Each structure stands twice: as C-alpha cells, then as structure tokens.
Amino acid sequence: MQKYINKLKDFNELVMFEHSIFSLPFIFIAMVVAADGWFGFSLLILGVFAAVSARNFAMGLNRFADRDIDAKNPRTMSRPNVDGRLDASSIFIFIVVNALAFIGVAYLINPLAFYLSLPILVILGSYSYFKRFSSLAHIVLGISLGLAPIAGVVAVSAEITAWSVLLSLGVIFWVAGFDLLYSLQDMEFDKNEGLHSIPSKYGSDATLKISAFFHMLTTLFWAMFVWVAALGKFAVLAVVLSAFMLIYEHYLVRKDFTKIDRAFFTVNGYLGILFFILVVLDRIFS
C-alpha cells in the first residue's frame, strides 16, 4: 500500500497538482458569468476533471519531453522524471490516460467541447517543444492556460462569446508575463544549452519590461471583459486589485530575484482566487 502512496506522491510532484489553481478560477469565472450564477454540480465536477486532466496531460508531456534538459539543470535535476522515481514508460502511460480522460469528459459536457478537445490537447502539448526553437514559448504557455475561460463558457452555453475571448486574452498575457519572471531563474542555463527564451535572448532588464507590458495588457483585457460582459462593481474591484497584485509581483522580483518563487506561486495563486470570489459576489449582488 505504501508503495502506491509513494507513487502517487511522485506523480503529484511530477505535475504539481496544486498548480491547477492558476487555471481553475478562470474556468469557473467564465462558467459563472455564462450561467449568470450557479451552473450546477454536474458541470462543477466535469469542469474540475477536465481542467485537472488537461493540465496533467500538459505537464506530464512537458516532463517527458524535458527529461534530458531537466537532468542537466541544477534546479530541476531532482524531479521524479530524471532521478529514477518515475521511468519514461510510466510517464507516457500517465500522459495517455489523462488525454483520454480529458476527451471523455469533454464528450460528456457537450458536442462542441468534444470537437474542441483534440485541438486543445495539441495546443497544450506544443509548449513542451517550443523552447527548442522559439522564444515565443512564453506566449504558447499563456495560450495554453488562456483556453480555460473559453472552455468554461463552452461548457455552459456551447458557444464562444466576445467577453470570454477578452477574459482569455487577459489570462494569456497574465501567464506569459509571470512565466517570463519565472524564466529568469534559468537564464544562464538556457543560454548555455541553446534553449530559446526571452531572458536568455534579451537579458533580465528587457524581460522585466516585457513582462510589465504583458501585465498592462492583462489589466486592459480584463477591464474590457468586465465592460463587455456588463458586470458590476465587484468585478471592477477584481480588476483593480489584480492590477495592484501584479504591481506587487513585479516589485518583489525587481527587488530580489530569490523572491521569484513567492511572486510566481503565492501572488498569482491568490490573484485567481480573489478574482473568482469577487465575480461570484458580483453575480450575487447584481
């Protein structure tokens, strides 16, 4: 029994299940707005399974593809995909199972979700290979998580609305912006290994400026989302507080690069949760 528990812990460390917190709030924000309130327990459960299986697929494939890179990087060489705890075949099975689970859940949601499931998996999987030939990998990661709001509105109403695209664009630049900050940790390693990233190509100063610009676009697109979706004061407050949290994130990183983990995980994790809570309040009191 302990053997299986340890194996589950290894898979948890491999994909970091807890980091689903970045996409889940924005799936449910879109679902709440699309349904104009509560969207039902059935969609809640299916939404969670869809989000977790999609992310497990993407992260599993990333770890599978990066085995050779992670083995050389001091920051990542203790991950389960390179230290012997999980072999390549186990990770590959994990990837396939989660891909099939995602497609199956999409089928249960509605036909449009099912038709979009395979293209979504292709987009999610492409990130793992982009950094081998393009510095646009940060944007591709943003697009991967930016699909979350569109998936949420498709689940509820089987359509893609203008406001969900604006919410999605905000998520794309939010994720790309904080991924740029996170990538500062590997700037020298990426240079030495010939990997493509904005920090390794343009340096830390340019990266900080580009990240700040991306987060300005995030605030703009989220403000447009609130306006087009005709949301109220709590949603406006969500955008304002998110802007201040992003400013604080940049303050932490600029002050000390050792604070990158705190900026990446803590600030961004709370941002999504806060945004979701305020949108829920907006629907309750509107």
C-alpha atoms as a PDB file:
ATOM      1  CA  MET A   1       0.000   0.000   0.000  1.00  0.00           C
ATOM      2  CA  GLN A   2       2.787   2.386   0.924  1.00  0.00           C
ATOM      3  CA  LYS A   3       4.384   1.696  -2.452  1.00  0.00           C
ATOM      4  CA  TYR A   4       1.293   3.012  -4.265  1.00  0.00           C
ATOM      5  CA  ILE A   5       1.035   6.023  -1.959  1.00  0.00           C
ATOM      6  CA  ASN A   6       4.654   6.902  -2.698  1.00  0.00           C
ATOM      7  CA  LYS A   7       3.994   6.506  -6.428  1.00  0.00           C
ATOM      8  CA  LEU A   8       1.046   8.914  -6.191  1.00  0.00           C
ATOM      9  CA  LYS A   9       3.272  11.380  -4.368  1.00  0.00           C
ATOM     10  CA  ASP A  10       5.835  11.081  -7.154  1.00  0.00           C
ATOM     11  CA  PHE A  11       3.208  11.826  -9.806  1.00  0.00           C
ATOM     12  CA  ASN A  12       1.969  14.731  -7.709  1.00  0.00           C
ATOM     13  CA  GLU A  13       5.486  16.126  -7.590  1.00  0.00           C
ATOM     14  CA  LEU A  14       5.872  15.485 -11.308  1.00  0.00           C
ATOM     15  CA  VAL A  15       2.913  17.629 -12.370  1.00  0.00           C
ATOM     16  CA  MET A  16       2.317  19.657  -9.196  1.00  0.00           C
ATOM     17  CA  PHE A  17      -1.459  19.178  -8.998  1.00  0.00           C
ATOM     18  CA  GLU A  18      -1.789  22.201  -6.722  1.00  0.00           C
ATOM     19  CA  HIS A  19      -0.766  24.496  -9.563  1.00  0.00           C
ATOM     20  CA  SER A  20      -4.151  23.845 -11.166  1.00  0.00           C
ATOM     21  CA  ILE A  21      -5.072  26.862  -9.061  1.00  0.00           C
ATOM     22  CA  PHE A  22      -3.872  29.076 -11.910  1.00  0.00           C
ATOM     23  CA  SER A  23      -6.473  27.893 -14.433  1.00  0.00           C
ATOM     24  CA  LEU A  24      -9.399  26.636 -12.342  1.00  0.00           C
ATOM     25  CA  PRO A  25     -10.610  30.052 -11.097  1.00  0.00           C
ATOM     26  CA  PHE A  26     -10.836  31.405 -14.640  1.00  0.00           C
ATOM     27  CA  ILE A  27     -12.737  28.371 -15.900  1.00  0.00           C
ATOM     28  CA  PHE A  28     -15.273  28.923 -13.152  1.00  0.00           C
ATOM     29  CA  ILE A  29     -15.345  32.698 -13.661  1.00  0.00           C
ATOM     30  CA  ALA A  30     -16.407  32.068 -17.258  1.00  0.00           C
ATOM     31  CA  MET A  31     -18.959  29.461 -16.148  1.00  0.00           C
ATOM     32  CA  VAL A  32     -20.469  31.783 -13.530  1.00  0.00           C
ATOM     33  CA  VAL A  33     -20.772  34.661 -15.997  1.00  0.00           C
ATOM     34  CA  ALA A  34     -22.129  32.424 -18.789  1.00  0.00           C
ATOM     35  CA  ALA A  35     -24.746  30.917 -16.462  1.00  0.00           C
ATOM     36  CA  ASP A  36     -25.401  34.270 -14.756  1.00  0.00           C
ATOM     37  CA  GLY A  37     -24.885  32.496 -11.454  1.00  0.00           C
ATOM     38  CA  TRP A  38     -24.726  28.873 -10.337  1.00  0.00           C
ATOM     39  CA  PHE A  39     -24.108  26.430 -13.186  1.00  0.00           C
ATOM     40  CA  GLY A  40     -24.870  23.181 -11.341  1.00  0.00           C
ATOM     41  CA  PHE A  41     -22.970  20.408  -9.576  1.00  0.00           C
ATOM     42  CA  SER A  42     -22.687  18.311 -12.716  1.00  0.00           C
ATOM     43  CA  LEU A  43     -20.726  20.974 -14.608  1.00  0.00           C
ATOM     44  CA  LEU A  44     -18.716  21.734 -11.475  1.00  0.00           C
ATOM     45  CA  ILE A  45     -17.470  18.149 -11.263  1.00  0.00           C
ATOM     46  CA  LEU A  46     -16.921  17.822 -15.020  1.00  0.00           C
ATOM     47  CA  GLY A  47     -15.124  21.186 -15.095  1.00  0.00           C
ATOM     48  CA  VAL A  48     -12.716  20.130 -12.363  1.00  0.00           C
ATOM     49  CA  PHE A  49     -11.984  16.798 -14.074  1.00  0.00           C
ATOM     50  CA  ALA A  50     -11.490  18.489 -17.442  1.00  0.00           C
ATOM     51  CA  ALA A  51      -9.125  21.105 -16.026  1.00  0.00           C
ATOM     52  CA  VAL A  52      -7.073  18.647 -13.974  1.00  0.00           C
ATOM     53  CA  SER A  53      -6.775  16.026 -16.717  1.00  0.00           C
ATOM     54  CA  ALA A  54      -5.809  18.647 -19.319  1.00  0.00           C
ATOM     55  CA  ARG A  55      -3.170  20.086 -17.038  1.00  0.00           C
ATOM     56  CA  ASN A  56      -1.869  16.633 -16.087  1.00  0.00           C
ATOM     57  CA  PHE A  57      -1.523  15.831 -19.790  1.00  0.00           C
ATOM     58  CA  ALA A  58       0.347  19.075 -20.499  1.00  0.00           C
ATOM     59  CA  MET A  59       2.659  18.837 -17.500  1.00  0.00           C
ATOM     60  CA  GLY A  60       3.265  15.132 -17.970  1.00  0.00           C
ATOM     61  CA  LEU A  61       4.227  15.669 -21.599  1.00  0.00           C
ATOM     62  CA  ASN A  62       6.448  18.574 -20.618  1.00  0.00           C
ATOM     63  CA  ARG A  63       8.305  16.459 -18.066  1.00  0.00           C
ATOM     64  CA  PHE A  64       8.537  13.569 -20.544  1.00  0.00           C
ATOM     65  CA  ALA A  65       9.939  15.789 -23.301  1.00  0.00           C
ATOM     66  CA  ASP A  66      12.317  17.620 -20.949  1.00  0.00           C
ATOM     67  CA  ARG A  67      13.954  14.604 -19.336  1.00  0.00           C
ATOM     68  CA  ASP A  68      17.307  15.360 -20.942  1.00  0.00           C
ATOM     69  CA  ILE A  69      17.134  19.085 -20.137  1.00  0.00           C
ATOM     70  CA  ASP A  70      15.939  18.637 -16.548  1.00  0.00           C
ATOM     71  CA  ALA A  71      18.782  16.200 -15.864  1.00  0.00           C
ATOM     72  CA  LYS A  72      21.332  18.955 -16.585  1.00  0.00           C
ATOM     73  CA  ASN A  73      19.652  21.830 -14.753  1.00  0.00           C
ATOM     74  CA  PRO A  74      20.591  22.047 -11.037  1.00  0.00           C
ATOM     75  CA  ARG A  75      17.122  23.493 -10.310  1.00  0.00           C
ATOM     76  CA  THR A  76      15.294  20.518 -11.835  1.00  0.00           C
ATOM     77  CA  MET A  77      17.606  17.510 -11.581  1.00  0.00           C
ATOM     78  CA  SER A  78      15.789  16.182  -8.506  1.00  0.00           C
ATOM     79  CA  ARG A  79      12.438  15.912 -10.286  1.00  0.00           C
ATOM     80  CA  PRO A  80      10.858  12.423 -10.455  1.00  0.00           C
ATOM     81  CA  ASN A  81      11.233  12.288 -14.245  1.00  0.00           C
ATOM     82  CA  VAL A  82      15.039  12.363 -14.036  1.00  0.00           C
ATOM     83  CA  ASP A  83      16.039  10.969 -10.633  1.00  0.00           C
ATOM     84  CA  GLY A  84      14.728   7.446 -11.284  1.00  0.00           C
ATOM     85  CA  ARG A  85      11.486   7.541  -9.304  1.00  0.00           C
ATOM     86  CA  LEU A  86       9.332   7.541 -12.473  1.00  0.00           C
ATOM     87  CA  ASP A  87      10.511   5.866 -15.654  1.00  0.00           C
ATOM     88  CA  ALA A  88       9.665   7.060 -19.160  1.00  0.00           C
ATOM     89  CA  SER A  89       7.043   4.366 -19.785  1.00  0.00           C
ATOM     90  CA  SER A  90       5.141   5.246 -16.588  1.00  0.00           C
ATOM     91  CA  ILE A  91       5.087   8.919 -17.530  1.00  0.00           C
ATOM     92  CA  PHE A  92       3.952   8.088 -21.078  1.00  0.00           C
ATOM     93  CA  ILE A  93       1.055   5.986 -19.751  1.00  0.00           C
ATOM     94  CA  PHE A  94       0.142   8.863 -17.415  1.00  0.00           C
ATOM     95  CA  ILE A  95       0.052  11.229 -20.420  1.00  0.00           C
ATOM     96  CA  VAL A  96      -2.161   8.925 -22.492  1.00  0.00           C
ATOM     97  CA  VAL A  97      -4.578   8.229 -19.621  1.00  0.00           C
ATOM     98  CA  ASN A  98      -5.066  11.926 -18.931  1.00  0.00           C
ATOM     99  CA  ALA A  99      -5.511  12.744 -22.628  1.00  0.00           C
ATOM    100  CA  LEU A 100      -8.227  10.093 -22.928  1.00  0.00           C
ATOM    101  CA  ALA A 101      -9.816  11.288 -19.670  1.00  0.00           C
ATOM    102  CA  PHE A 102      -9.962  14.849 -20.984  1.00  0.00           C
ATOM    103  CA  ILE A 103     -11.556  13.777 -24.269  1.00  0.00           C
ATOM    104  CA  GLY A 104     -14.029  11.576 -22.384  1.00  0.00           C
ATOM    105  CA  VAL A 105     -15.059  14.374 -20.026  1.00  0.00           C
ATOM    106  CA  ALA A 106     -15.415  16.775 -22.970  1.00  0.00           C
ATOM    107  CA  TYR A 107     -17.747  14.243 -24.626  1.00  0.00           C
ATOM    108  CA  LEU A 108     -19.918  14.207 -21.501  1.00  0.00           C
ATOM    109  CA  ILE A 109     -20.134  18.015 -21.436  1.00  0.00           C
ATOM    110  CA  ASN A 110     -21.467  18.782 -24.937  1.00  0.00           C
ATOM    111  CA  PRO A 111     -20.634  18.195 -28.642  1.00  0.00           C
ATOM    112  CA  LEU A 112     -18.697  21.462 -29.092  1.00  0.00           C
ATOM    113  CA  ALA A 113     -16.496  20.670 -26.090  1.00  0.00           C
ATOM    114  CA  PHE A 114     -15.836  17.226 -27.570  1.00  0.00           C
ATOM    115  CA  TYR A 115     -14.956  18.605 -31.033  1.00  0.00           C
ATOM    116  CA  LEU A 116     -12.542  21.104 -29.473  1.00  0.00           C
ATOM    117  CA  SER A 117     -10.891  18.604 -27.119  1.00  0.00           C
ATOM    118  CA  LEU A 118      -8.286  17.260 -29.552  1.00  0.00           C
ATOM    119  CA  PRO A 119      -7.176  20.698 -30.876  1.00  0.00           C
ATOM    120  CA  ILE A 120      -6.884  21.858 -27.266  1.00  0.00           C
ATOM    121  CA  LEU A 121      -4.612  18.908 -26.443  1.00  0.00           C
ATOM    122  CA  VAL A 122      -2.429  19.741 -29.465  1.00  0.00           C
ATOM    123  CA  ILE A 123      -2.034  23.330 -28.241  1.00  0.00           C
ATOM    124  CA  LEU A 124      -1.311  22.186 -24.689  1.00  0.00           C
ATOM    125  CA  GLY A 125       1.298  19.732 -25.900  1.00  0.00           C
ATOM    126  CA  SER A 126       3.057  22.157 -28.235  1.00  0.00           C
ATOM    127  CA  TYR A 127       4.510  24.211 -25.367  1.00  0.00           C
ATOM    128  CA  SER A 128       6.844  21.388 -24.417  1.00  0.00           C
ATOM    129  CA  TYR A 129       8.742  21.716 -27.691  1.00  0.00           C
ATOM    130  CA  PHE A 130       8.591  25.427 -28.480  1.00  0.00           C
ATOM    131  CA  LYS A 131      11.571  26.473 -26.373  1.00  0.00           C
ATOM    132  CA  ARG A 132      13.769  24.286 -28.542  1.00  0.00           C
ATOM    133  CA  PHE A 133      13.303  26.656 -31.492  1.00  0.00           C
ATOM    134  CA  SER A 134      11.419  29.814 -30.460  1.00  0.00           C
ATOM    135  CA  SER A 135      11.335  32.398 -27.681  1.00  0.00           C
ATOM    136  CA  LEU A 136       7.559  32.528 -28.142  1.00  0.00           C
ATOM    137  CA  ALA A 137       7.238  29.586 -25.751  1.00  0.00           C
ATOM    138  CA  HIS A 138       6.083  32.032 -23.045  1.00  0.00           C
ATOM    139  CA  ILE A 139       3.160  33.092 -25.228  1.00  0.00           C
ATOM    140  CA  VAL A 140       2.320  29.471 -26.052  1.00  0.00           C
ATOM    141  CA  LEU A 141       2.147  28.701 -22.331  1.00  0.00           C
ATOM    142  CA  GLY A 142      -0.130  31.708 -21.929  1.00  0.00           C
ATOM    143  CA  ILE A 143      -2.387  30.443 -24.711  1.00  0.00           C
ATOM    144  CA  SER A 144      -2.491  27.011 -23.054  1.00  0.00           C
ATOM    145  CA  LEU A 145      -3.891  28.435 -19.824  1.00  0.00           C
ATOM    146  CA  GLY A 146      -5.816  31.109 -21.681  1.00  0.00           C
ATOM    147  CA  LEU A 147      -8.026  28.390 -23.149  1.00  0.00           C
ATOM    148  CA  ALA A 148      -9.532  27.916 -19.673  1.00  0.00           C
ATOM    149  CA  PRO A 149     -12.163  30.703 -19.839  1.00  0.00           C
ATOM    150  CA  ILE A 150     -13.213  29.671 -23.343  1.00  0.00           C
ATOM    151  CA  ALA A 151     -13.547  26.083 -22.139  1.00  0.00           C
ATOM    152  CA  GLY A 152     -15.708  27.340 -19.280  1.00  0.00           C
ATOM    153  CA  VAL A 153     -18.164  29.236 -21.468  1.00  0.00           C
ATOM    154  CA  VAL A 154     -18.304  26.376 -23.995  1.00  0.00           C
ATOM    155  CA  ALA A 155     -19.217  24.001 -21.160  1.00  0.00           C
ATOM    156  CA  VAL A 156     -22.162  26.155 -20.077  1.00  0.00           C
ATOM    157  CA  SER A 157     -23.531  27.606 -23.306  1.00  0.00           C
ATOM    158  CA  ALA A 158     -21.838  25.643 -26.142  1.00  0.00           C
ATOM    159  CA  GLU A 159     -20.592  28.862 -27.745  1.00  0.00           C
ATOM    160  CA  ILE A 160     -17.618  31.206 -27.635  1.00  0.00           C
ATOM    161  CA  THR A 161     -18.620  34.728 -26.597  1.00  0.00           C
ATOM    162  CA  ALA A 162     -16.777  38.019 -27.102  1.00  0.00           C
ATOM    163  CA  TRP A 163     -16.363  38.576 -23.374  1.00  0.00           C
ATOM    164  CA  SER A 164     -14.846  35.106 -22.905  1.00  0.00           C
ATOM    165  CA  VAL A 165     -12.237  35.910 -25.587  1.00  0.00           C
ATOM    166  CA  LEU A 166     -11.323  39.119 -23.730  1.00  0.00           C
ATOM    167  CA  LEU A 167     -11.067  37.231 -20.440  1.00  0.00           C
ATOM    168  CA  SER A 168      -8.931  34.645 -22.222  1.00  0.00           C
ATOM    169  CA  LEU A 169      -6.606  37.287 -23.694  1.00  0.00           C
ATOM    170  CA  GLY A 170      -6.111  38.669 -20.197  1.00  0.00           C
ATOM    171  CA  VAL A 171      -5.163  35.205 -18.939  1.00  0.00           C
ATOM    172  CA  ILE A 172      -2.787  34.685 -21.880  1.00  0.00           C
ATOM    173  CA  PHE A 173      -0.769  37.814 -21.086  1.00  0.00           C
ATOM    174  CA  TRP A 174      -1.029  37.242 -17.328  1.00  0.00           C
ATOM    175  CA  VAL A 175       0.511  33.770 -17.643  1.00  0.00           C
ATOM    176  CA  ALA A 176       3.081  34.804 -20.262  1.00  0.00           C
ATOM    177  CA  GLY A 177       4.082  37.719 -18.052  1.00  0.00           C
ATOM    178  CA  PHE A 178       4.665  35.689 -14.917  1.00  0.00           C
ATOM    179  CA  ASP A 179       6.336  32.899 -16.907  1.00  0.00           C
ATOM    180  CA  LEU A 180       8.860  35.487 -18.108  1.00  0.00           C
ATOM    181  CA  LEU A 181       9.649  36.320 -14.489  1.00  0.00           C
ATOM    182  CA  TYR A 182       9.908  32.635 -13.589  1.00  0.00           C
ATOM    183  CA  SER A 183      12.242  32.023 -16.549  1.00  0.00           C
ATOM    184  CA  LEU A 184      14.762  34.490 -15.145  1.00  0.00           C
ATOM    185  CA  GLN A 185      15.908  31.648 -12.877  1.00  0.00           C
ATOM    186  CA  ASP A 186      17.103  29.644 -15.888  1.00  0.00           C
ATOM    187  CA  MET A 187      18.503  32.494 -17.977  1.00  0.00           C
ATOM    188  CA  GLU A 188      22.142  31.377 -17.869  1.00  0.00           C
ATOM    189  CA  PHE A 189      21.274  27.696 -18.178  1.00  0.00           C
ATOM    190  CA  ASP A 190      19.145  28.359 -21.267  1.00  0.00           C
ATOM    191  CA  LYS A 191      21.990  30.327 -22.842  1.00  0.00           C
ATOM    192  CA  ASN A 192      24.472  27.529 -22.233  1.00  0.00           C
ATOM    193  CA  GLU A 193      22.124  24.838 -23.558  1.00  0.00           C
ATOM    194  CA  GLY A 194      20.995  26.815 -26.604  1.00  0.00           C
ATOM    195  CA  LEU A 195      17.372  26.919 -25.423  1.00  0.00           C
ATOM    196  CA  HIS A 196      15.137  29.748 -26.566  1.00  0.00           C
ATOM    197  CA  SER A 197      13.625  32.110 -24.028  1.00  0.00           C
ATOM    198  CA  ILE A 198      13.209  35.855 -23.817  1.00  0.00           C
ATOM    199  CA  PRO A 199      15.521  36.130 -20.759  1.00  0.00           C
ATOM    200  CA  SER A 200      18.320  34.155 -22.454  1.00  0.00           C
ATOM    201  CA  LYS A 201      17.962  36.137 -25.671  1.00  0.00           C
ATOM    202  CA  TYR A 202      17.353  39.689 -24.425  1.00  0.00           C
ATOM    203  CA  GLY A 203      18.543  39.698 -20.796  1.00  0.00           C
ATOM    204  CA  SER A 204      16.883  40.411 -17.474  1.00  0.00           C
ATOM    205  CA  ASP A 205      16.181  44.138 -17.934  1.00  0.00           C
ATOM    206  CA  ALA A 206      14.320  43.628 -21.201  1.00  0.00           C
ATOM    207  CA  THR A 207      12.478  40.642 -19.718  1.00  0.00           C
ATOM    208  CA  LEU A 208      11.227  42.700 -16.790  1.00  0.00           C
ATOM    209  CA  LYS A 209       9.960  45.394 -19.161  1.00  0.00           C
ATOM    210  CA  ILE A 210       8.249  42.925 -21.485  1.00  0.00           C
ATOM    211  CA  SER A 211       6.645  41.172 -18.511  1.00  0.00           C
ATOM    212  CA  ALA A 212       5.379  44.503 -17.179  1.00  0.00           C
ATOM    213  CA  PHE A 213       3.947  45.343 -20.611  1.00  0.00           C
ATOM    214  CA  PHE A 214       2.209  41.967 -20.790  1.00  0.00           C
ATOM    215  CA  HIS A 215       0.652  42.580 -17.393  1.00  0.00           C
ATOM    216  CA  MET A 216      -0.538  46.005 -18.502  1.00  0.00           C
ATOM    217  CA  LEU A 217      -2.291  44.232 -21.379  1.00  0.00           C
ATOM    218  CA  THR A 218      -3.725  41.762 -18.865  1.00  0.00           C
ATOM    219  CA  THR A 219      -5.331  44.565 -16.877  1.00  0.00           C
ATOM    220  CA  LEU A 220      -6.662  46.177 -20.062  1.00  0.00           C
ATOM    221  CA  PHE A 221      -8.227  42.976 -21.393  1.00  0.00           C
ATOM    222  CA  TRP A 222      -9.767  42.109 -18.028  1.00  0.00           C
ATOM    223  CA  ALA A 223     -11.243  45.620 -17.800  1.00  0.00           C
ATOM    224  CA  MET A 224     -12.698  45.140 -21.297  1.00  0.00           C
ATOM    225  CA  PHE A 225     -14.088  41.758 -20.230  1.00  0.00           C
ATOM    226  CA  VAL A 226     -15.914  43.380 -17.305  1.00  0.00           C
ATOM    227  CA  TRP A 227     -17.322  46.069 -19.605  1.00  0.00           C
ATOM    228  CA  VAL A 228     -18.432  43.774 -22.459  1.00  0.00           C
ATOM    229  CA  ALA A 229     -19.936  41.215 -20.042  1.00  0.00           C
ATOM    230  CA  ALA A 230     -21.788  44.099 -18.318  1.00  0.00           C
ATOM    231  CA  LEU A 231     -20.536  43.127 -14.872  1.00  0.00           C
ATOM    232  CA  GLY A 232     -20.753  45.334 -11.814  1.00  0.00           C
ATOM    233  CA  LYS A 233     -18.680  46.987  -9.114  1.00  0.00           C
ATOM    234  CA  PHE A 234     -17.303  43.804  -7.556  1.00  0.00           C
ATOM    235  CA  ALA A 235     -15.903  42.715 -10.919  1.00  0.00           C
ATOM    236  CA  VAL A 236     -14.389  46.177 -11.399  1.00  0.00           C
ATOM    237  CA  LEU A 237     -12.804  45.794  -7.966  1.00  0.00           C
ATOM    238  CA  ALA A 238     -11.413  42.406  -9.083  1.00  0.00           C
ATOM    239  CA  VAL A 239      -9.593  44.077 -11.975  1.00  0.00           C
ATOM    240  CA  VAL A 240      -8.263  46.898  -9.797  1.00  0.00           C
ATOM    241  CA  LEU A 241      -6.992  44.548  -7.080  1.00  0.00           C
ATOM    242  CA  SER A 242      -5.454  42.256  -9.700  1.00  0.00           C
ATOM    243  CA  ALA A 243      -3.552  45.221 -11.121  1.00  0.00           C
ATOM    244  CA  PHE A 244      -2.146  46.056  -7.686  1.00  0.00           C
ATOM    245  CA  MET A 245      -1.192  42.429  -7.090  1.00  0.00           C
ATOM    246  CA  LEU A 246       0.682  42.344 -10.392  1.00  0.00           C
ATOM    247  CA  ILE A 247       2.484  45.543  -9.437  1.00  0.00           C
ATOM    248  CA  TYR A 248       3.449  43.911  -6.136  1.00  0.00           C
ATOM    249  CA  GLU A 249       4.672  40.835  -8.016  1.00  0.00           C
ATOM    250  CA  HIS A 250       6.996  42.967 -10.123  1.00  0.00           C
ATOM    251  CA  TYR A 251       8.165  44.813  -7.025  1.00  0.00           C
ATOM    252  CA  LEU A 252       9.134  41.517  -5.386  1.00  0.00           C
ATOM    253  CA  VAL A 253      11.060  40.261  -8.399  1.00  0.00           C
ATOM    254  CA  ARG A 254      12.840  43.539  -9.159  1.00  0.00           C
ATOM    255  CA  LYS A 255      13.898  43.845  -5.535  1.00  0.00           C
ATOM    256  CA  ASP A 256      15.315  40.345  -5.273  1.00  0.00           C
ATOM    257  CA  PHE A 257      15.369  37.509  -7.840  1.00  0.00           C
ATOM    258  CA  THR A 258      15.310  34.998  -4.974  1.00  0.00           C
ATOM    259  CA  LYS A 259      11.685  36.116  -4.421  1.00  0.00           C
ATOM    260  CA  ILE A 260      10.639  34.746  -7.819  1.00  0.00           C
ATOM    261  CA  ASP A 261       9.018  31.615  -6.350  1.00  0.00           C
ATOM    262  CA  ARG A 262       6.999  33.732  -3.921  1.00  0.00           C
ATOM    263  CA  ALA A 263       5.905  36.047  -6.706  1.00  0.00           C
ATOM    264  CA  PHE A 264       5.092  33.178  -9.067  1.00  0.00           C
ATOM    265  CA  PHE A 265       3.190  30.825  -6.790  1.00  0.00           C
ATOM    266  CA  THR A 266       1.780  32.901  -3.948  1.00  0.00           C
ATOM    267  CA  VAL A 267       0.777  36.170  -5.605  1.00  0.00           C
ATOM    268  CA  ASN A 268      -0.604  34.607  -8.775  1.00  0.00           C
ATOM    269  CA  GLY A 269      -2.394  31.854  -6.865  1.00  0.00           C
ATOM    270  CA  TYR A 270      -4.229  34.366  -4.677  1.00  0.00           C
ATOM    271  CA  LEU A 271      -4.966  36.601  -7.666  1.00  0.00           C
ATOM    272  CA  GLY A 272      -7.057  33.958  -9.431  1.00  0.00           C
ATOM    273  CA  ILE A 273      -8.953  33.010  -6.271  1.00  0.00           C
ATOM    274  CA  LEU A 274      -9.683  36.646  -5.402  1.00  0.00           C
ATOM    275  CA  PHE A 275     -10.863  37.393  -8.937  1.00  0.00           C
ATOM    276  CA  PHE A 276     -13.224  34.405  -8.808  1.00  0.00           C
ATOM    277  CA  ILE A 277     -14.664  35.320  -5.395  1.00  0.00           C
ATOM    278  CA  LEU A 278     -15.350  38.891  -6.477  1.00  0.00           C
ATOM    279  CA  VAL A 279     -17.056  37.783  -9.704  1.00  0.00           C
ATOM    280  CA  VAL A 280     -19.264  35.435  -7.662  1.00  0.00           C
ATOM    281  CA  LEU A 281     -20.136  38.313  -5.338  1.00  0.00           C
ATOM    282  CA  ASP A 282     -20.881  40.430  -8.376  1.00  0.00           C
ATOM    283  CA  ARG A 283     -23.407  37.885  -9.632  1.00  0.00           C
ATOM    284  CA  ILE A 284     -24.981  37.510  -6.180  1.00  0.00           C
ATOM    285  CA  PHE A 285     -25.460  41.222  -5.575  1.00  0.00           C
ATOM    286  CA  SER A 286     -26.055  42.441  -9.128  1.00  0.00           C
END
